[in-house]
Amino acid sequence: MTAPAQSTPAPQGRWVAFAPLRHRNFALVWSAALISNVGTWMETVAVGDLVAHRTGRAGWTALVAAAGFLPMGLLGPIGGAMADRLDRRRLVITMTLLQMIAAAALTILSISGHASPGAVTFVVFVAGCVAGLGFPAYSAMLPDLVPTKDLLAAVSLSQAQWNLGRVIGPALAGIAIALGSYSAAFAVNTLSFAAMLVALRALRLATRPPPTDDSSLWSRIRVGARVARAEPGVSSAILMIAVVALTASPFIALIPAMARVRFDGDANLTSWFVTAQGIGAVAGALLLPTFAARFGRFRMLMFSFVLLPTALVLYGAAPTATLAAVALVAVGATYMLVFSGIGTVVQLRAPAELRARVLSFYFLALGVLYPVGATVQGPLADRFGLGRVTIASGLGLLVVVGLLRVLRPNRLRALDDPAQGL
């Protein structure tokens, strides 16, 4: 069992964003996840570029992204029910091993010359299924790694770590692809999972009491659904992430197509675009705790709902690849402000004993509607142009937020801290 955290002065000002790294368990997982995510982003960029290069279609690029993300949403409730019943660390270890095997399969396909778009999409789908079962347990562990006062910073740092991998991974993937080797990118991702396995084994977590709920898997899923629907903050967070996933999030899946199709670039431009978004996302994630401490988390979230659509419009309207990369920095930063702000609401409001199940419905909304949005926007982009579709997606998000503010203001107010009585 972990000893209680020492009462140390909380970091102030710009250092508040790094407060969670004072806690050993969080620092271990954060560092290992960074290594693993560098490998993941190398694979993601390599897969997207391989499919975009061989097909020349934005629709295919969106499809392979959907294949990895859709099962994460669909299987999330099952993973959440498992995570609230089983040992979360052991479950994450098992799923990490299976993800390593999937990455190894992709490596073998590439080395053997059998990495067709269809085969790659299938392996990505299998890996997505594994991630869907394991991610609720991984996410539900986060509040066990830091005290409540550091939770927003921990969520933001976790997103910063994911996107720092987005900065480093694409750069390394660009080098590997430029040297003519998709296989190297896939192999590095396979090896990177070892860091997470070591960190998970080294954690010192408090012993959880044995579960008293002996109901069936589906009964536990239904309980999680009822709690997610009944808690105003959680239900509003799920609604908002659904809107964001359907309108704004597909820009992520379409980045390779934006580089290859709209700007007639190569793997290097894809890498630059992904890196630009990652730089913005890291900056946004690190700035959010400081801004939230100064202006209030709720006020920052509402402001971000305006900033993100604005950045997307600028990105879609950019006439050159250079200006598009600059706009992507802004898109990455504002997207992270929205994403971390909404996700923190669920972490704060979900009951501890039901946290994984409640989180799984949040990821269900994101995991289903993001690929739906991507698979809709991809073919539309093939017909009407990526720039126009991206602008429309940003305006669509802005319109929905505006309508909610006028017609259902309580939905947005529910995203505020419960202590403030809203």
Protein backbone atom coordinates (compact mmCIF):
# COMPACT_ATOMS: atom_id res chain seq x y z
CA MET A 1 0.00 0.00 0.00
CA THR A 2 1.29 3.44 -0.88
CA ALA A 3 2.10 5.73 2.00
CA PRO A 4 0.18 8.99 2.17
CA ALA A 5 1.74 11.76 0.13
CA GLN A 6 3.86 14.21 2.08
CA SER A 7 2.36 17.62 2.66
CA THR A 8 4.61 19.73 0.48
CA PRO A 9 3.94 23.24 -0.72
CA ALA A 10 1.97 23.20 -3.96
CA PRO A 11 3.81 24.68 -6.94
CA GLN A 12 2.63 28.12 -7.91
CA GLY A 13 2.47 30.06 -11.14
CA ARG A 14 3.99 28.44 -14.18
CA TRP A 15 5.17 25.42 -12.15
CA VAL A 16 1.65 24.26 -11.30
CA ALA A 17 1.52 22.33 -14.58
CA PHE A 18 4.36 20.07 -13.41
CA ALA A 19 3.08 19.35 -9.89
CA PRO A 20 1.98 15.75 -10.67
CA LEU A 21 5.58 14.79 -11.52
CA ARG A 22 6.42 15.09 -7.80
CA HIS A 23 4.53 11.84 -7.27
CA ARG A 24 6.59 8.70 -7.98
CA ASN A 25 3.80 6.59 -9.47
CA PHE A 26 2.68 9.30 -11.87
CA ALA A 27 6.26 10.10 -12.89
CA LEU A 28 6.90 6.42 -13.68
CA VAL A 29 3.79 6.01 -15.81
CA TRP A 30 4.21 9.39 -17.49
CA SER A 31 7.83 8.69 -18.52
CA ALA A 32 7.09 5.18 -19.78
CA ALA A 33 4.00 6.32 -21.64
CA LEU A 34 6.06 9.02 -23.37
CA ILE A 35 8.45 6.38 -24.72
CA SER A 36 5.58 4.16 -25.78
CA ASN A 37 3.73 7.02 -27.44
CA VAL A 38 6.78 8.05 -29.45
CA GLY A 39 6.62 4.56 -30.94
CA THR A 40 2.85 4.77 -31.37
CA TRP A 41 3.11 8.04 -33.28
CA MET A 42 5.88 6.63 -35.45
CA GLU A 43 3.52 3.81 -36.38
CA THR A 44 0.51 6.13 -36.80
CA VAL A 45 2.33 8.44 -39.21
CA ALA A 46 3.83 5.50 -41.10
CA VAL A 47 0.44 3.80 -41.45
CA GLY A 48 -1.30 7.00 -42.56
CA ASP A 49 1.42 7.86 -45.06
CA LEU A 50 1.60 4.31 -46.41
CA VAL A 51 -2.14 4.23 -47.08
CA ALA A 52 -2.27 7.79 -48.45
CA HIS A 53 0.71 7.11 -50.73
CA ARG A 54 -0.60 3.80 -52.11
CA THR A 55 -4.23 4.87 -52.59
CA GLY A 56 -4.11 8.65 -53.07
CA ARG A 57 -7.52 8.87 -51.39
CA ALA A 58 -8.53 10.84 -48.28
CA GLY A 59 -11.31 8.29 -47.77
CA TRP A 60 -8.80 5.47 -47.25
CA THR A 61 -6.76 7.60 -44.86
CA ALA A 62 -9.88 8.25 -42.81
CA LEU A 63 -10.83 4.57 -42.93
CA VAL A 64 -7.57 3.32 -41.44
CA ALA A 65 -7.81 5.95 -38.69
CA ALA A 66 -11.38 4.85 -37.99
CA ALA A 67 -10.30 1.20 -37.86
CA GLY A 68 -7.98 1.99 -34.97
CA PHE A 69 -10.29 4.30 -33.07
CA LEU A 70 -13.81 2.89 -33.54
CA PRO A 71 -13.26 -0.33 -31.55
CA MET A 72 -11.80 1.74 -28.71
CA GLY A 73 -15.18 3.35 -28.32
CA LEU A 74 -17.35 0.29 -28.94
CA LEU A 75 -15.42 -1.98 -26.56
CA GLY A 76 -14.80 0.72 -23.96
CA PRO A 77 -17.87 -0.12 -21.81
CA ILE A 78 -16.78 -3.77 -21.64
CA GLY A 79 -13.26 -2.69 -20.70
CA GLY A 80 -14.67 -0.31 -18.09
CA ALA A 81 -16.78 -3.03 -16.49
CA MET A 82 -13.73 -5.31 -16.42
CA ALA A 83 -11.54 -2.57 -14.92
CA ASP A 84 -13.95 -1.93 -12.03
CA ARG A 85 -13.97 -5.64 -11.19
CA LEU A 86 -10.40 -6.80 -11.91
CA ASP A 87 -6.99 -5.55 -10.85
CA ARG A 88 -6.50 -2.51 -13.11
CA ARG A 89 -2.73 -2.74 -13.27
CA ARG A 90 -2.76 -6.41 -14.29
CA LEU A 91 -5.40 -5.69 -16.90
CA VAL A 92 -3.32 -2.87 -18.40
CA ILE A 93 -0.22 -5.10 -18.42
CA THR A 94 -2.10 -7.81 -20.32
CA MET A 95 -3.47 -5.38 -22.88
CA THR A 96 -0.04 -3.78 -23.35
CA LEU A 97 1.43 -7.19 -24.16
CA LEU A 98 -1.30 -7.79 -26.74
CA GLN A 99 -0.69 -4.37 -28.31
CA MET A 100 3.00 -5.27 -28.58
CA ILE A 101 2.04 -8.43 -30.46
CA ALA A 102 -0.16 -6.45 -32.86
CA ALA A 103 2.69 -4.01 -33.53
CA ALA A 104 5.01 -6.96 -34.18
CA ALA A 105 2.50 -8.36 -36.70
CA LEU A 106 2.50 -5.05 -38.56
CA THR A 107 6.30 -5.12 -38.61
CA ILE A 108 6.33 -8.63 -40.06
CA LEU A 109 3.79 -7.67 -42.74
CA SER A 110 5.94 -4.74 -43.79
CA ILE A 111 9.21 -6.67 -43.84
CA SER A 112 7.63 -9.48 -45.87
CA GLY A 113 6.14 -7.05 -48.40
CA HIS A 114 2.53 -7.89 -47.55
CA ALA A 115 1.55 -4.54 -45.97
CA SER A 116 -1.36 -3.84 -48.30
CA PRO A 117 -3.86 -1.13 -47.24
CA GLY A 118 -6.40 -3.82 -46.39
CA ALA A 119 -3.99 -5.88 -44.29
CA VAL A 120 -2.69 -2.82 -42.48
CA THR A 121 -6.24 -1.68 -41.74
CA PHE A 122 -7.08 -5.10 -40.28
CA VAL A 123 -4.09 -5.12 -37.91
CA VAL A 124 -4.83 -1.56 -36.85
CA PHE A 125 -8.42 -2.65 -36.12
CA VAL A 126 -7.25 -5.54 -33.93
CA ALA A 127 -4.91 -3.23 -32.02
CA GLY A 128 -7.80 -0.82 -31.55
CA CYS A 129 -9.92 -3.61 -30.05
CA VAL A 130 -7.19 -4.37 -27.52
CA ALA A 131 -6.77 -0.69 -26.68
CA GLY A 132 -10.53 -0.36 -26.21
CA LEU A 133 -10.52 -3.05 -23.55
CA GLY A 134 -7.48 -1.65 -21.74
CA PHE A 135 -7.79 2.12 -21.97
CA PRO A 136 -10.60 2.55 -19.38
CA ALA A 137 -8.44 0.78 -16.80
CA TYR A 138 -5.44 2.94 -17.70
CA SER A 139 -7.50 6.14 -17.46
CA ALA A 140 -9.19 5.09 -14.22
CA MET A 141 -5.76 4.61 -12.62
CA LEU A 142 -4.90 8.30 -13.03
CA PRO A 143 -6.67 9.61 -9.89
CA ASP A 144 -4.89 6.85 -7.92
CA LEU A 145 -1.51 8.27 -8.98
CA VAL A 146 -1.99 11.89 -7.80
CA PRO A 147 -4.03 13.75 -5.17
CA THR A 148 -7.25 15.44 -6.28
CA LYS A 149 -5.72 18.93 -6.24
CA ASP A 150 -3.24 17.85 -8.94
CA LEU A 151 -5.78 16.02 -11.12
CA LEU A 152 -6.32 18.74 -13.75
CA ALA A 153 -2.57 19.15 -14.11
CA ALA A 154 -2.19 15.36 -14.32
CA VAL A 155 -4.80 15.13 -17.08
CA SER A 156 -3.09 17.98 -18.93
CA LEU A 157 0.37 16.50 -18.46
CA SER A 158 -0.90 13.15 -19.72
CA GLN A 159 -2.18 14.88 -22.84
CA ALA A 160 1.10 16.81 -23.12
CA GLN A 161 3.00 13.53 -22.92
CA TRP A 162 0.80 12.01 -25.63
CA ASN A 163 1.38 14.99 -27.87
CA LEU A 164 5.08 15.28 -27.06
CA GLY A 165 5.18 11.80 -28.55
CA ARG A 166 3.35 13.35 -31.50
CA VAL A 167 6.23 15.83 -31.86
CA ILE A 168 9.08 13.34 -31.55
CA GLY A 169 7.46 10.30 -33.19
CA PRO A 170 6.60 11.89 -36.55
CA ALA A 171 10.07 13.37 -36.84
CA LEU A 172 11.60 9.92 -36.34
CA ALA A 173 8.98 8.38 -38.64
CA GLY A 174 9.84 10.93 -41.32
CA ILE A 175 13.48 9.89 -41.13
CA ALA A 176 12.59 6.20 -41.31
CA ILE A 177 10.20 6.68 -44.24
CA ALA A 178 12.67 8.92 -46.08
CA LEU A 179 15.16 6.07 -45.83
CA GLY A 180 12.56 3.83 -47.44
CA SER A 181 11.58 1.83 -44.37
CA TYR A 182 8.07 1.73 -42.97
CA SER A 183 9.24 -1.44 -41.21
CA ALA A 184 11.64 0.50 -38.96
CA ALA A 185 8.82 2.70 -37.68
CA PHE A 186 6.68 -0.35 -36.91
CA ALA A 187 9.58 -2.15 -35.21
CA VAL A 188 10.37 0.79 -32.93
CA ASN A 189 6.73 0.88 -31.82
CA THR A 190 6.89 -2.83 -31.00
CA LEU A 191 9.91 -2.32 -28.75
CA SER A 192 8.51 0.83 -27.11
CA PHE A 193 5.79 -1.10 -25.28
CA ALA A 194 8.49 -2.62 -23.07
CA ALA A 195 8.93 0.70 -21.24
CA MET A 196 5.27 0.69 -20.17
CA LEU A 197 5.48 -2.90 -19.00
CA VAL A 198 8.47 -2.09 -16.77
CA ALA A 199 6.77 0.99 -15.28
CA LEU A 200 3.54 -0.84 -14.55
CA ARG A 201 5.42 -3.56 -12.72
CA ALA A 202 7.21 -0.94 -10.59
CA LEU A 203 4.09 0.92 -9.39
CA ARG A 204 3.23 1.07 -5.69
CA LEU A 205 -0.52 1.31 -5.52
CA ALA A 206 -2.86 1.19 -2.56
CA THR A 207 -4.58 -2.15 -2.21
CA ARG A 208 -8.13 -1.92 -3.47
CA PRO A 209 -10.81 -3.69 -1.43
CA PRO A 210 -12.18 -6.78 -3.17
CA PRO A 211 -15.28 -5.98 -5.23
CA THR A 212 -18.58 -6.85 -3.59
CA ASP A 213 -20.56 -6.60 -6.83
CA ASP A 214 -20.97 -10.12 -8.21
CA SER A 215 -23.44 -9.11 -10.90
CA SER A 216 -22.96 -10.00 -14.55
CA LEU A 217 -20.79 -8.01 -16.93
CA TRP A 218 -23.79 -6.48 -18.69
CA SER A 219 -25.41 -5.54 -15.39
CA ARG A 220 -22.27 -3.66 -14.38
CA ILE A 221 -22.22 -1.89 -17.75
CA ARG A 222 -25.84 -0.80 -17.24
CA VAL A 223 -25.00 0.58 -13.79
CA GLY A 224 -22.17 2.62 -15.30
CA ALA A 225 -24.50 3.92 -18.00
CA ARG A 226 -27.11 4.99 -15.44
CA VAL A 227 -24.52 6.87 -13.37
CA ALA A 228 -23.06 8.55 -16.45
CA ARG A 229 -26.51 9.67 -17.52
CA ALA A 230 -27.67 10.78 -14.05
CA GLU A 231 -24.64 12.93 -13.09
CA PRO A 232 -25.17 16.34 -14.80
CA GLY A 233 -21.49 17.14 -15.24
CA VAL A 234 -20.65 13.73 -16.67
CA SER A 235 -23.62 13.66 -19.07
CA SER A 236 -22.79 17.18 -20.28
CA ALA A 237 -19.13 16.24 -20.75
CA ILE A 238 -20.16 13.20 -22.82
CA LEU A 239 -22.46 15.38 -24.92
CA MET A 240 -19.72 17.94 -25.58
CA ILE A 241 -17.02 15.40 -26.42
CA ALA A 242 -19.51 13.80 -28.84
CA VAL A 243 -20.01 17.15 -30.58
CA VAL A 244 -16.27 17.81 -30.71
CA ALA A 245 -15.53 14.28 -31.95
CA LEU A 246 -18.04 14.55 -34.78
CA THR A 247 -17.08 18.04 -35.96
CA ALA A 248 -13.52 19.00 -34.96
CA SER A 249 -11.62 15.79 -34.20
CA PRO A 250 -11.58 14.37 -37.77
CA PHE A 251 -8.91 16.90 -38.74
CA ILE A 252 -6.46 14.54 -36.98
CA ALA A 253 -7.27 11.60 -39.26
CA LEU A 254 -7.12 13.81 -42.35
CA ILE A 255 -3.69 15.36 -41.73
CA PRO A 256 -1.88 12.85 -44.02
CA ALA A 257 -4.41 13.55 -46.77
CA MET A 258 -4.05 17.30 -46.25
CA ALA A 259 -0.31 16.95 -46.79
CA ARG A 260 -0.42 14.43 -49.64
CA VAL A 261 -3.58 15.42 -51.51
CA ARG A 262 -4.27 19.11 -50.94
CA PHE A 263 -0.67 20.35 -50.84
CA ASP A 264 0.83 17.60 -53.05
CA GLY A 265 3.49 16.89 -50.43
CA ASP A 266 5.39 13.79 -49.39
CA ALA A 267 6.09 11.88 -46.17
CA ASN A 268 8.17 14.77 -44.86
CA LEU A 269 5.25 17.18 -45.13
CA THR A 270 2.99 14.68 -43.35
CA SER A 271 5.57 14.48 -40.59
CA TRP A 272 5.84 18.28 -40.37
CA PHE A 273 2.07 18.66 -40.15
CA VAL A 274 1.69 16.05 -37.40
CA THR A 275 4.64 17.56 -35.55
CA ALA A 276 3.15 21.06 -35.80
CA GLN A 277 -0.10 19.88 -34.28
CA GLY A 278 1.85 18.07 -31.57
CA ILE A 279 3.85 21.18 -30.67
CA GLY A 280 0.63 23.14 -30.30
CA ALA A 281 -0.98 20.39 -28.25
CA VAL A 282 1.97 20.20 -25.84
CA ALA A 283 1.90 23.96 -25.40
CA GLY A 284 -1.85 23.94 -24.81
CA ALA A 285 -1.67 21.12 -22.30
CA LEU A 286 1.11 22.80 -20.31
CA LEU A 287 -0.57 26.20 -20.32
CA LEU A 288 -4.03 24.95 -19.32
CA PRO A 289 -3.37 24.41 -15.58
CA THR A 290 -1.81 27.88 -15.29
CA PHE A 291 -4.67 29.55 -17.16
CA ALA A 292 -7.24 27.55 -15.20
CA ALA A 293 -5.66 28.59 -11.90
CA ARG A 294 -5.76 32.24 -12.95
CA PHE A 295 -9.07 32.49 -14.80
CA GLY A 296 -10.97 29.40 -13.66
CA ARG A 297 -11.25 26.01 -15.34
CA PHE A 298 -14.84 26.57 -16.52
CA ARG A 299 -14.10 29.99 -18.03
CA MET A 300 -11.09 28.58 -19.88
CA LEU A 301 -13.19 25.73 -21.27
CA MET A 302 -15.88 28.09 -22.55
CA PHE A 303 -13.27 30.33 -24.15
CA SER A 304 -11.68 27.28 -25.78
CA PHE A 305 -14.97 26.38 -27.45
CA VAL A 306 -14.55 29.59 -29.46
CA LEU A 307 -10.79 29.38 -30.03
CA LEU A 308 -10.84 25.85 -31.52
CA PRO A 309 -13.35 26.58 -34.33
CA THR A 310 -11.45 29.77 -35.16
CA ALA A 311 -8.19 27.85 -35.46
CA LEU A 312 -9.82 25.19 -37.65
CA VAL A 313 -11.17 27.82 -40.03
CA LEU A 314 -7.70 29.35 -40.34
CA TYR A 315 -6.20 25.91 -40.98
CA GLY A 316 -8.75 25.05 -43.64
CA ALA A 317 -8.34 28.42 -45.36
CA ALA A 318 -4.52 28.38 -45.35
CA PRO A 319 -3.32 28.89 -48.96
CA THR A 320 0.13 27.35 -48.48
CA ALA A 321 1.59 24.38 -46.64
CA THR A 322 3.69 26.69 -44.47
CA LEU A 323 0.67 28.68 -43.28
CA ALA A 324 -1.26 25.44 -42.77
CA ALA A 325 1.53 24.17 -40.49
CA VAL A 326 1.43 27.40 -38.49
CA ALA A 327 -2.35 27.13 -38.19
CA LEU A 328 -1.99 23.52 -37.06
CA VAL A 329 0.02 24.70 -34.06
CA ALA A 330 -2.99 26.81 -33.04
CA VAL A 331 -5.38 23.94 -33.77
CA GLY A 332 -3.33 21.57 -31.64
CA ALA A 333 -3.18 23.99 -28.71
CA THR A 334 -6.87 24.88 -28.71
CA TYR A 335 -7.96 21.27 -29.29
CA MET A 336 -6.00 20.26 -26.21
CA LEU A 337 -7.60 23.00 -24.12
CA VAL A 338 -11.01 21.62 -25.06
CA PHE A 339 -10.09 17.94 -24.75
CA SER A 340 -8.36 18.19 -21.37
CA GLY A 341 -10.99 20.54 -19.99
CA ILE A 342 -13.85 18.18 -20.82
CA GLY A 343 -11.99 15.05 -19.71
CA THR A 344 -11.22 16.54 -16.30
CA VAL A 345 -14.94 17.00 -15.64
CA VAL A 346 -15.50 13.24 -15.93
CA GLN A 347 -12.49 12.40 -13.75
CA LEU A 348 -13.72 14.77 -11.03
CA ARG A 349 -17.39 13.77 -11.11
CA ALA A 350 -17.23 9.98 -11.55
CA PRO A 351 -17.56 7.92 -8.31
CA ALA A 352 -14.28 6.14 -7.54
CA GLU A 353 -15.82 2.66 -7.51
CA LEU A 354 -17.46 3.29 -10.88
CA ARG A 355 -14.79 5.47 -12.44
CA ALA A 356 -13.66 3.09 -15.18
CA ARG A 357 -17.23 2.35 -16.26
CA VAL A 358 -18.22 6.02 -16.34
CA LEU A 359 -15.05 6.93 -18.23
CA SER A 360 -15.76 4.16 -20.71
CA PHE A 361 -18.96 5.89 -21.84
CA TYR A 362 -17.03 9.12 -22.31
CA PHE A 363 -14.60 7.21 -24.53
CA LEU A 364 -17.53 5.46 -26.22
CA ALA A 365 -18.83 8.81 -27.43
CA LEU A 366 -15.37 9.90 -28.55
CA GLY A 367 -14.39 6.53 -30.01
CA VAL A 368 -17.54 6.09 -32.07
CA LEU A 369 -18.20 9.61 -33.29
CA TYR A 370 -14.60 10.53 -34.13
CA PRO A 371 -14.28 7.75 -36.74
CA VAL A 372 -17.84 8.43 -37.92
CA GLY A 373 -16.91 12.06 -38.44
CA ALA A 374 -13.66 11.05 -40.14
CA THR A 375 -15.31 8.58 -42.51
CA VAL A 376 -17.94 11.18 -43.43
CA GLN A 377 -15.52 14.08 -43.82
CA GLY A 378 -12.99 12.02 -45.81
CA PRO A 379 -15.26 11.31 -48.83
CA LEU A 380 -16.72 14.82 -48.60
CA ALA A 381 -13.16 16.16 -48.79
CA ASP A 382 -12.51 14.03 -51.88
CA ARG A 383 -15.53 15.68 -53.51
CA PHE A 384 -15.52 19.27 -52.22
CA GLY A 385 -11.92 19.78 -51.04
CA LEU A 386 -10.20 19.32 -47.69
CA GLY A 387 -10.02 23.03 -47.02
CA ARG A 388 -13.75 23.59 -47.38
CA VAL A 389 -14.65 20.57 -45.26
CA THR A 390 -12.25 21.64 -42.50
CA ILE A 391 -13.73 25.15 -42.45
CA ALA A 392 -17.24 23.70 -42.31
CA SER A 393 -16.30 21.46 -39.39
CA GLY A 394 -15.02 24.41 -37.38
CA LEU A 395 -18.12 26.47 -38.11
CA GLY A 396 -20.32 23.48 -37.25
CA LEU A 397 -18.76 23.21 -33.79
CA LEU A 398 -19.17 26.93 -33.18
CA VAL A 399 -22.85 26.81 -34.20
CA VAL A 400 -23.62 23.87 -31.89
CA VAL A 401 -21.92 25.53 -28.90
CA GLY A 402 -23.80 28.75 -29.63
CA LEU A 403 -27.14 26.95 -29.81
CA LEU A 404 -26.47 25.16 -26.51
CA ARG A 405 -25.54 28.43 -24.86
CA VAL A 406 -28.84 29.98 -25.95
CA LEU A 407 -31.25 27.03 -25.79
CA ARG A 408 -29.71 24.73 -23.14
CA PRO A 409 -27.40 26.88 -20.97
CA ASN A 410 -27.60 24.41 -18.06
CA ARG A 411 -25.81 21.85 -20.21
CA LEU A 412 -22.75 24.08 -20.36
CA ARG A 413 -23.01 25.27 -16.73
CA ALA A 414 -22.92 21.64 -15.58
CA LEU A 415 -19.30 21.48 -16.76
CA ASP A 416 -18.31 23.83 -13.93
CA ASP A 417 -16.95 22.61 -10.59
CA PRO A 418 -19.71 21.20 -8.34
CA ALA A 419 -18.32 23.15 -5.38
CA GLN A 420 -19.49 26.34 -7.05
CA GLY A 421 -23.08 25.18 -6.97
CA LEU A 422 -23.66 25.18 -10.71
